Amino acid sequence: MNTEKRICQSCGMPLENDPNKGGTNSDKSLSDKFCSFCFQDGIFIDEVISKEEKIEKNIKIAVSMMNVSEKAAREMAEKIIPNLERWKK
């Protein structure tokens, strides 16, 4: 049995924490890769954001909404985001 948590392949949020249970594909089915904060109706909400901008955005969210220090948030974002499917090139 796979006990590894599935995370959004755009922002790194555990999909189990998504209040909407995931983003939506163009056919309105639930995405098994992306959260509802990143992906709706088959497109990325922040479609033109760069990887570096996404890292900065996630740091701000972690600091303001999750009470994480900026240093810890930066370390986490810089470690996780570049390895997610959306940002790998």
PDB file of N, CA and C in Angstrom:
ATOM      1  N   MET A   1       0.839  -1.194   0.000  1.00  0.00           N
ATOM      2  CA  MET A   1       0.000   0.000   0.000  1.00  0.00           C
ATOM      3  C   MET A   1       0.874   1.243   0.000  1.00  0.00           C
ATOM      4  N   ASN A   2       0.562   2.195  -0.864  1.00  0.00           N
ATOM      5  CA  ASN A   2       1.332   3.427  -0.967  1.00  0.00           C
ATOM      6  C   ASN A   2       0.832   4.409   0.089  1.00  0.00           C
ATOM      7  N   THR A   3       1.703   4.752   1.036  1.00  0.00           N
ATOM      8  CA  THR A   3       1.305   5.683   2.098  1.00  0.00           C
ATOM      9  C   THR A   3       1.834   7.085   1.836  1.00  0.00           C
ATOM     10  N   GLU A   4       2.495   7.267   0.710  1.00  0.00           N
ATOM     11  CA  GLU A   4       3.035   8.577   0.362  1.00  0.00           C
ATOM     12  C   GLU A   4       1.889   9.547   0.086  1.00  0.00           C
ATOM     13  N   LYS A   5       1.988  10.741   0.669  1.00  0.00           N
ATOM     14  CA  LYS A   5       0.947  11.748   0.460  1.00  0.00           C
ATOM     15  C   LYS A   5       1.061  12.309  -0.941  1.00  0.00           C
ATOM     16  N   ARG A   6      -0.081  12.475  -1.581  1.00  0.00           N
ATOM     17  CA  ARG A   6      -0.119  13.121  -2.892  1.00  0.00           C
ATOM     18  C   ARG A   6      -0.132  14.620  -2.676  1.00  0.00           C
ATOM     19  N   ILE A   7       0.700  15.305  -3.435  1.00  0.00           N
ATOM     20  CA  ILE A   7       0.760  16.761  -3.327  1.00  0.00           C
ATOM     21  C   ILE A   7       0.478  17.395  -4.678  1.00  0.00           C
ATOM     22  N   CYS A   8      -0.001  18.621  -4.633  1.00  0.00           N
ATOM     23  CA  CYS A   8      -0.244  19.369  -5.863  1.00  0.00           C
ATOM     24  C   CYS A   8       1.068  19.510  -6.619  1.00  0.00           C
ATOM     25  N   GLN A   9       1.043  19.196  -7.884  1.00  0.00           N
ATOM     26  CA  GLN A   9       2.245  19.243  -8.708  1.00  0.00           C
ATOM     27  C   GLN A   9       2.516  20.638  -9.265  1.00  0.00           C
ATOM     28  N   SER A  10       1.851  21.644  -8.678  1.00  0.00           N
ATOM     29  CA  SER A  10       2.127  23.032  -9.007  1.00  0.00           C
ATOM     30  C   SER A  10       2.638  23.795  -7.787  1.00  0.00           C
ATOM     31  N   CYS A  11       1.998  23.576  -6.615  1.00  0.00           N
ATOM     32  CA  CYS A  11       2.370  24.350  -5.421  1.00  0.00           C
ATOM     33  C   CYS A  11       2.921  23.510  -4.272  1.00  0.00           C
ATOM     34  N   GLY A  12       2.697  22.203  -4.285  1.00  0.00           N
ATOM     35  CA  GLY A  12       3.216  21.336  -3.238  1.00  0.00           C
ATOM     36  C   GLY A  12       2.273  21.096  -2.071  1.00  0.00           C
ATOM     37  N   MET A  13       1.082  21.678  -2.094  1.00  0.00           N
ATOM     38  CA  MET A  13       0.130  21.470  -1.002  1.00  0.00           C
ATOM     39  C   MET A  13      -0.366  20.026  -1.012  1.00  0.00           C
ATOM     40  N   PRO A  14      -0.444  19.394   0.158  1.00  0.00           N
ATOM     41  CA  PRO A  14      -1.044  18.053   0.192  1.00  0.00           C
ATOM     42  C   PRO A  14      -2.481  18.113  -0.329  1.00  0.00           C
ATOM     43  N   LEU A  15      -2.799  17.265  -1.286  1.00  0.00           N
ATOM     44  CA  LEU A  15      -4.131  17.300  -1.883  1.00  0.00           C
ATOM     45  C   LEU A  15      -5.214  16.987  -0.858  1.00  0.00           C
ATOM     46  N   GLU A  16      -4.875  16.254   0.180  1.00  0.00           N
ATOM     47  CA  GLU A  16      -5.872  15.958   1.214  1.00  0.00           C
ATOM     48  C   GLU A  16      -6.268  17.213   1.993  1.00  0.00           C
ATOM     49  N   ASN A  17      -5.469  18.268   1.921  1.00  0.00           N
ATOM     50  CA  ASN A  17      -5.788  19.530   2.600  1.00  0.00           C
ATOM     51  C   ASN A  17      -6.632  20.463   1.741  1.00  0.00           C
ATOM     52  N   ASP A  18      -6.877  20.097   0.498  1.00  0.00           N
ATOM     53  CA  ASP A  18      -7.666  20.939  -0.408  1.00  0.00           C
ATOM     54  C   ASP A  18      -9.138  20.822  -0.021  1.00  0.00           C
ATOM     55  N   PRO A  19      -9.776  21.937   0.359  1.00  0.00           N
ATOM     56  CA  PRO A  19     -11.193  21.856   0.750  1.00  0.00           C
ATOM     57  C   PRO A  19     -12.099  21.402  -0.385  1.00  0.00           C
ATOM     58  N   ASN A  20     -11.643  21.536  -1.629  1.00  0.00           N
ATOM     59  CA  ASN A  20     -12.437  21.119  -2.788  1.00  0.00           C
ATOM     60  C   ASN A  20     -12.018  19.756  -3.323  1.00  0.00           C
ATOM     61  N   LYS A  21     -11.100  19.098  -2.635  1.00  0.00           N
ATOM     62  CA  LYS A  21     -10.614  17.750  -2.993  1.00  0.00           C
ATOM     63  C   LYS A  21      -9.800  17.704  -4.269  1.00  0.00           C
ATOM     64  N   GLY A  22      -9.413  18.857  -4.804  1.00  0.00           N
ATOM     65  CA  GLY A  22      -8.577  18.918  -5.996  1.00  0.00           C
ATOM     66  C   GLY A  22      -9.102  19.919  -6.995  1.00  0.00           C
ATOM     67  N   GLY A  23      -8.243  20.264  -7.936  1.00  0.00           N
ATOM     68  CA  GLY A  23      -8.646  21.141  -9.018  1.00  0.00           C
ATOM     69  C   GLY A  23      -9.535  20.396  -9.988  1.00  0.00           C
ATOM     70  N   THR A  24      -9.972  21.097 -11.027  1.00  0.00           N
ATOM     71  CA  THR A  24     -10.855  20.459 -12.007  1.00  0.00           C
ATOM     72  C   THR A  24     -10.235  20.485 -13.399  1.00  0.00           C
ATOM     73  N   ASN A  25     -10.424  19.394 -14.099  1.00  0.00           N
ATOM     74  CA  ASN A  25      -9.992  19.278 -15.489  1.00  0.00           C
ATOM     75  C   ASN A  25     -11.008  19.981 -16.384  1.00  0.00           C
ATOM     76  N   SER A  26     -10.697  20.100 -17.661  1.00  0.00           N
ATOM     77  CA  SER A  26     -11.591  20.801 -18.591  1.00  0.00           C
ATOM     78  C   SER A  26     -12.956  20.129 -18.689  1.00  0.00           C
ATOM     79  N   ASP A  27     -13.042  18.832 -18.407  1.00  0.00           N
ATOM     80  CA  ASP A  27     -14.332  18.129 -18.444  1.00  0.00           C
ATOM     81  C   ASP A  27     -15.044  18.148 -17.089  1.00  0.00           C
ATOM     82  N   LYS A  28     -14.536  18.974 -16.166  1.00  0.00           N
ATOM     83  CA  LYS A  28     -15.083  19.168 -14.810  1.00  0.00           C
ATOM     84  C   LYS A  28     -14.773  18.017 -13.849  1.00  0.00           C
ATOM     85  N   SER A  29     -14.041  16.992 -14.313  1.00  0.00           N
ATOM     86  CA  SER A  29     -13.636  15.919 -13.399  1.00  0.00           C
ATOM     87  C   SER A  29     -12.538  16.444 -12.477  1.00  0.00           C
ATOM     88  N   LEU A  30     -12.367  15.798 -11.336  1.00  0.00           N
ATOM     89  CA  LEU A  30     -11.333  16.216 -10.393  1.00  0.00           C
ATOM     90  C   LEU A  30      -9.952  15.859 -10.920  1.00  0.00           C
ATOM     91  N   SER A  31      -9.027  16.773 -10.769  1.00  0.00           N
ATOM     92  CA  SER A  31      -7.632  16.524 -11.133  1.00  0.00           C
ATOM     93  C   SER A  31      -6.983  15.711 -10.022  1.00  0.00           C
ATOM     94  N   ASP A  32      -6.201  14.722 -10.385  1.00  0.00           N
ATOM     95  CA  ASP A  32      -5.484  13.961  -9.362  1.00  0.00           C
ATOM     96  C   ASP A  32      -4.054  14.478  -9.193  1.00  0.00           C
ATOM     97  N   LYS A  33      -3.721  15.590  -9.869  1.00  0.00           N
ATOM     98  CA  LYS A  33      -2.370  16.146  -9.800  1.00  0.00           C
ATOM     99  C   LYS A  33      -2.316  17.549  -9.217  1.00  0.00           C
ATOM    100  N   PHE A  34      -3.384  18.314  -9.349  1.00  0.00           N
ATOM    101  CA  PHE A  34      -3.330  19.727  -8.993  1.00  0.00           C
ATOM    102  C   PHE A  34      -4.467  20.111  -8.051  1.00  0.00           C
ATOM    103  N   CYS A  35      -4.191  21.068  -7.159  1.00  0.00           N
ATOM    104  CA  CYS A  35      -5.194  21.529  -6.198  1.00  0.00           C
ATOM    105  C   CYS A  35      -6.107  22.580  -6.826  1.00  0.00           C
ATOM    106  N   SER A  36      -7.196  22.865  -6.126  1.00  0.00           N
ATOM    107  CA  SER A  36      -8.167  23.834  -6.637  1.00  0.00           C
ATOM    108  C   SER A  36      -7.655  25.268  -6.566  1.00  0.00           C
ATOM    109  N   PHE A  37      -6.608  25.517  -5.794  1.00  0.00           N
ATOM    110  CA  PHE A  37      -6.034  26.854  -5.725  1.00  0.00           C
ATOM    111  C   PHE A  37      -5.134  27.141  -6.934  1.00  0.00           C
ATOM    112  N   CYS A  38      -4.701  26.089  -7.621  1.00  0.00           N
ATOM    113  CA  CYS A  38      -3.804  26.229  -8.771  1.00  0.00           C
ATOM    114  C   CYS A  38      -4.478  25.937 -10.113  1.00  0.00           C
ATOM    115  N   PHE A  39      -5.476  25.053 -10.130  1.00  0.00           N
ATOM    116  CA  PHE A  39      -5.951  24.485 -11.392  1.00  0.00           C
ATOM    117  C   PHE A  39      -7.476  24.403 -11.400  1.00  0.00           C
ATOM    118  N   GLN A  40      -8.113  25.086 -12.354  1.00  0.00           N
ATOM    119  CA  GLN A  40      -9.567  25.020 -12.493  1.00  0.00           C
ATOM    120  C   GLN A  40      -9.937  24.974 -13.961  1.00  0.00           C
ATOM    121  N   ASP A  41     -10.869  24.101 -14.267  1.00  0.00           N
ATOM    122  CA  ASP A  41     -11.372  23.950 -15.643  1.00  0.00           C
ATOM    123  C   ASP A  41     -10.257  23.667 -16.647  1.00  0.00           C
ATOM    124  N   GLY A  42      -9.241  22.939 -16.204  1.00  0.00           N
ATOM    125  CA  GLY A  42      -8.175  22.504 -17.104  1.00  0.00           C
ATOM    126  C   GLY A  42      -7.079  23.513 -17.353  1.00  0.00           C
ATOM    127  N   ILE A  43      -7.101  24.638 -16.643  1.00  0.00           N
ATOM    128  CA  ILE A  43      -6.034  25.631 -16.820  1.00  0.00           C
ATOM    129  C   ILE A  43      -5.499  26.074 -15.455  1.00  0.00           C
ATOM    130  N   PHE A  44      -4.260  26.507 -15.447  1.00  0.00           N
ATOM    131  CA  PHE A  44      -3.672  27.031 -14.224  1.00  0.00           C
ATOM    132  C   PHE A  44      -4.213  28.427 -13.960  1.00  0.00           C
ATOM    133  N   ILE A  45      -4.616  28.689 -12.740  1.00  0.00           N
ATOM    134  CA  ILE A  45      -5.139  29.996 -12.355  1.00  0.00           C
ATOM    135  C   ILE A  45      -4.071  31.063 -12.563  1.00  0.00           C
ATOM    136  N   ASP A  46      -2.843  30.703 -12.233  1.00  0.00           N
ATOM    137  CA  ASP A  46      -1.705  31.628 -12.396  1.00  0.00           C
ATOM    138  C   ASP A  46      -0.845  31.183 -13.578  1.00  0.00           C
ATOM    139  N   GLU A  47      -1.484  31.023 -14.716  1.00  0.00           N
ATOM    140  CA  GLU A  47      -0.861  30.415 -15.890  1.00  0.00           C
ATOM    141  C   GLU A  47       0.453  31.071 -16.323  1.00  0.00           C
ATOM    142  N   VAL A  48       0.579  32.364 -16.145  1.00  0.00           N
ATOM    143  CA  VAL A  48       1.776  33.051 -16.633  1.00  0.00           C
ATOM    144  C   VAL A  48       2.851  33.245 -15.553  1.00  0.00           C
ATOM    145  N   ILE A  49       2.644  32.701 -14.371  1.00  0.00           N
ATOM    146  CA  ILE A  49       3.616  32.863 -13.291  1.00  0.00           C
ATOM    147  C   ILE A  49       4.876  32.037 -13.589  1.00  0.00           C
ATOM    148  N   SER A  50       6.021  32.562 -13.225  1.00  0.00           N
ATOM    149  CA  SER A  50       7.271  31.810 -13.393  1.00  0.00           C
ATOM    150  C   SER A  50       7.507  30.953 -12.158  1.00  0.00           C
ATOM    151  N   LYS A  51       8.416  30.017 -12.272  1.00  0.00           N
ATOM    152  CA  LYS A  51       8.767  29.176 -11.131  1.00  0.00           C
ATOM    153  C   LYS A  51       9.263  30.026  -9.963  1.00  0.00           C
ATOM    154  N   GLU A  52      10.077  31.026 -10.250  1.00  0.00           N
ATOM    155  CA  GLU A  52      10.623  31.893  -9.203  1.00  0.00           C
ATOM    156  C   GLU A  52       9.505  32.695  -8.532  1.00  0.00           C
ATOM    157  N   GLU A  53       8.549  33.176  -9.335  1.00  0.00           N
ATOM    158  CA  GLU A  53       7.409  33.919  -8.771  1.00  0.00           C
ATOM    159  C   GLU A  53       6.529  33.005  -7.915  1.00  0.00           C
ATOM    160  N   LYS A  54       6.384  31.759  -8.347  1.00  0.00           N
ATOM    161  CA  LYS A  54       5.588  30.791  -7.576  1.00  0.00           C
ATOM    162  C   LYS A  54       6.252  30.524  -6.230  1.00  0.00           C
ATOM    163  N   ILE A  55       7.558  30.411  -6.220  1.00  0.00           N
ATOM    164  CA  ILE A  55       8.282  30.210  -4.965  1.00  0.00           C
ATOM    165  C   ILE A  55       8.020  31.384  -4.026  1.00  0.00           C
ATOM    166  N   GLU A  56       8.140  32.594  -4.529  1.00  0.00           N
ATOM    167  CA  GLU A  56       7.907  33.784  -3.700  1.00  0.00           C
ATOM    168  C   GLU A  56       6.456  33.844  -3.211  1.00  0.00           C
ATOM    169  N   LYS A  57       5.524  33.496  -4.073  1.00  0.00           N
ATOM    170  CA  LYS A  57       4.108  33.486  -3.697  1.00  0.00           C
ATOM    171  C   LYS A  57       3.868  32.483  -2.565  1.00  0.00           C
ATOM    172  N   ASN A  58       4.435  31.295  -2.685  1.00  0.00           N
ATOM    173  CA  ASN A  58       4.258  30.270  -1.653  1.00  0.00           C
ATOM    174  C   ASN A  58       4.890  30.687  -0.331  1.00  0.00           C
ATOM    175  N   ILE A  59       6.017  31.375  -0.395  1.00  0.00           N
ATOM    176  CA  ILE A  59       6.660  31.862   0.826  1.00  0.00           C
ATOM    177  C   ILE A  59       5.721  32.833   1.545  1.00  0.00           C
ATOM    178  N   LYS A  60       5.140  33.762   0.810  1.00  0.00           N
ATOM    179  CA  LYS A  60       4.215  34.739   1.411  1.00  0.00           C
ATOM    180  C   LYS A  60       3.014  34.045   2.036  1.00  0.00           C
ATOM    181  N   ILE A  61       2.472  33.045   1.364  1.00  0.00           N
ATOM    182  CA  ILE A  61       1.320  32.311   1.893  1.00  0.00           C
ATOM    183  C   ILE A  61       1.702  31.563   3.164  1.00  0.00           C
ATOM    184  N   ALA A  62       2.850  30.902   3.152  1.00  0.00           N
ATOM    185  CA  ALA A  62       3.281  30.138   4.329  1.00  0.00           C
ATOM    186  C   ALA A  62       3.508  31.044   5.533  1.00  0.00           C
ATOM    187  N   VAL A  63       4.103  32.208   5.296  1.00  0.00           N
ATOM    188  CA  VAL A  63       4.382  33.151   6.388  1.00  0.00           C
ATOM    189  C   VAL A  63       3.074  33.741   6.925  1.00  0.00           C
ATOM    190  N   SER A  64       2.194  34.184   6.039  1.00  0.00           N
ATOM    191  CA  SER A  64       0.990  34.896   6.485  1.00  0.00           C
ATOM    192  C   SER A  64      -0.133  33.977   6.950  1.00  0.00           C
ATOM    193  N   MET A  65      -0.274  32.810   6.344  1.00  0.00           N
ATOM    194  CA  MET A  65      -1.427  31.967   6.659  1.00  0.00           C
ATOM    195  C   MET A  65      -1.089  30.723   7.474  1.00  0.00           C
ATOM    196  N   MET A  66       0.178  30.319   7.457  1.00  0.00           N
ATOM    197  CA  MET A  66       0.556  29.086   8.138  1.00  0.00           C
ATOM    198  C   MET A  66       1.487  29.332   9.320  1.00  0.00           C
ATOM    199  N   ASN A  67       1.791  30.598   9.575  1.00  0.00           N
ATOM    200  CA  ASN A  67       2.647  30.976  10.700  1.00  0.00           C
ATOM    201  C   ASN A  67       4.023  30.298  10.639  1.00  0.00           C
ATOM    202  N   VAL A  68       4.581  30.210   9.445  1.00  0.00           N
ATOM    203  CA  VAL A  68       5.911  29.637   9.225  1.00  0.00           C
ATOM    204  C   VAL A  68       6.890  30.801   9.093  1.00  0.00           C
ATOM    205  N   SER A  69       8.095  30.641   9.622  1.00  0.00           N
ATOM    206  CA  SER A  69       9.081  31.711   9.473  1.00  0.00           C
ATOM    207  C   SER A  69       9.457  31.852   8.001  1.00  0.00           C
ATOM    208  N   GLU A  70       9.890  33.051   7.618  1.00  0.00           N
ATOM    209  CA  GLU A  70      10.257  33.269   6.220  1.00  0.00           C
ATOM    210  C   GLU A  70      11.407  32.351   5.813  1.00  0.00           C
ATOM    211  N   LYS A  71      12.373  32.167   6.707  1.00  0.00           N
ATOM    212  CA  LYS A  71      13.518  31.300   6.396  1.00  0.00           C
ATOM    213  C   LYS A  71      13.060  29.864   6.143  1.00  0.00           C
ATOM    214  N   ALA A  72      12.206  29.342   7.021  1.00  0.00           N
ATOM    215  CA  ALA A  72      11.721  27.966   6.865  1.00  0.00           C
ATOM    216  C   ALA A  72      10.857  27.839   5.614  1.00  0.00           C
ATOM    217  N   ALA A  73      10.035  28.848   5.361  1.00  0.00           N
ATOM    218  CA  ALA A  73       9.170  28.827   4.179  1.00  0.00           C
ATOM    219  C   ALA A  73      10.005  28.836   2.904  1.00  0.00           C
ATOM    220  N   ARG A  74      11.055  29.656   2.884  1.00  0.00           N
ATOM    221  CA  ARG A  74      11.924  29.736   1.707  1.00  0.00           C
ATOM    222  C   ARG A  74      12.633  28.403   1.471  1.00  0.00           C
ATOM    223  N   GLU A  75      13.168  27.823   2.539  1.00  0.00           N
ATOM    224  CA  GLU A  75      13.856  26.528   2.399  1.00  0.00           C
ATOM    225  C   GLU A  75      12.910  25.468   1.840  1.00  0.00           C
ATOM    226  N   MET A  76      11.693  25.446   2.373  1.00  0.00           N
ATOM    227  CA  MET A  76      10.715  24.460   1.928  1.00  0.00           C
ATOM    228  C   MET A  76      10.327  24.694   0.471  1.00  0.00           C
ATOM    229  N   ALA A  77       9.999  25.933   0.122  1.00  0.00           N
ATOM    230  CA  ALA A  77       9.559  26.249  -1.242  1.00  0.00           C
ATOM    231  C   ALA A  77      10.667  25.985  -2.261  1.00  0.00           C
ATOM    232  N   GLU A  78      11.892  26.380  -1.933  1.00  0.00           N
ATOM    233  CA  GLU A  78      13.008  26.186  -2.874  1.00  0.00           C
ATOM    234  C   GLU A  78      13.381  24.715  -3.026  1.00  0.00           C
ATOM    235  N   LYS A  79      13.055  23.902  -2.040  1.00  0.00           N
ATOM    236  CA  LYS A  79      13.333  22.470  -2.123  1.00  0.00           C
ATOM    237  C   LYS A  79      12.237  21.739  -2.901  1.00  0.00           C
ATOM    238  N   ILE A  80      10.982  22.116  -2.660  1.00  0.00           N
ATOM    239  CA  ILE A  80       9.854  21.357  -3.209  1.00  0.00           C
ATOM    240  C   ILE A  80       9.449  21.800  -4.616  1.00  0.00           C
ATOM    241  N   ILE A  81       9.223  23.079  -4.813  1.00  0.00           N
ATOM    242  CA  ILE A  81       8.619  23.550  -6.068  1.00  0.00           C
ATOM    243  C   ILE A  81       9.407  23.178  -7.325  1.00  0.00           C
ATOM    244  N   PRO A  82      10.739  23.340  -7.351  1.00  0.00           N
ATOM    245  CA  PRO A  82      11.446  22.987  -8.587  1.00  0.00           C
ATOM    246  C   PRO A  82      11.318  21.503  -8.976  1.00  0.00           C
ATOM    247  N   ASN A  83      10.940  20.652  -8.030  1.00  0.00           N
ATOM    248  CA  ASN A  83      10.823  19.223  -8.304  1.00  0.00           C
ATOM    249  C   ASN A  83       9.413  18.777  -8.654  1.00  0.00           C
ATOM    250  N   LEU A  84       8.477  19.700  -8.701  1.00  0.00           N
ATOM    251  CA  LEU A  84       7.114  19.361  -9.046  1.00  0.00           C
ATOM    252  C   LEU A  84       6.939  19.284 -10.551  1.00  0.00           C
ATOM    253  N   GLU A  85       5.998  18.463 -10.979  1.00  0.00           N
ATOM    254  CA  GLU A  85       5.792  18.197 -12.412  1.00  0.00           C
ATOM    255  C   GLU A  85       5.652  19.470 -13.247  1.00  0.00           C
ATOM    256  N   ARG A  86       4.900  20.448 -12.751  1.00  0.00           N
ATOM    257  CA  ARG A  86       4.676  21.669 -13.526  1.00  0.00           C
ATOM    258  C   ARG A  86       5.958  22.415 -13.810  1.00  0.00           C
ATOM    259  N   TRP A  87       6.922  22.367 -12.927  1.00  0.00           N
ATOM    260  CA  TRP A  87       8.121  23.221 -13.021  1.00  0.00           C
ATOM    261  C   TRP A  87       9.351  22.480 -13.546  1.00  0.00           C
ATOM    262  N   LYS A  88       9.278  21.188 -13.662  1.00  0.00           N
ATOM    263  CA  LYS A  88      10.427  20.445 -14.216  1.00  0.00           C
ATOM    264  C   LYS A  88      10.506  20.726 -15.701  1.00  0.00           C
ATOM    265  N   LYS A  89      11.724  20.969 -16.170  1.00  0.00           N
ATOM    266  CA  LYS A  89      11.894  21.234 -17.618  1.00  0.00           C
ATOM    267  C   LYS A  89      12.999  20.372 -18.148  1.00  0.00           C
TER     268      LYS A  89
END
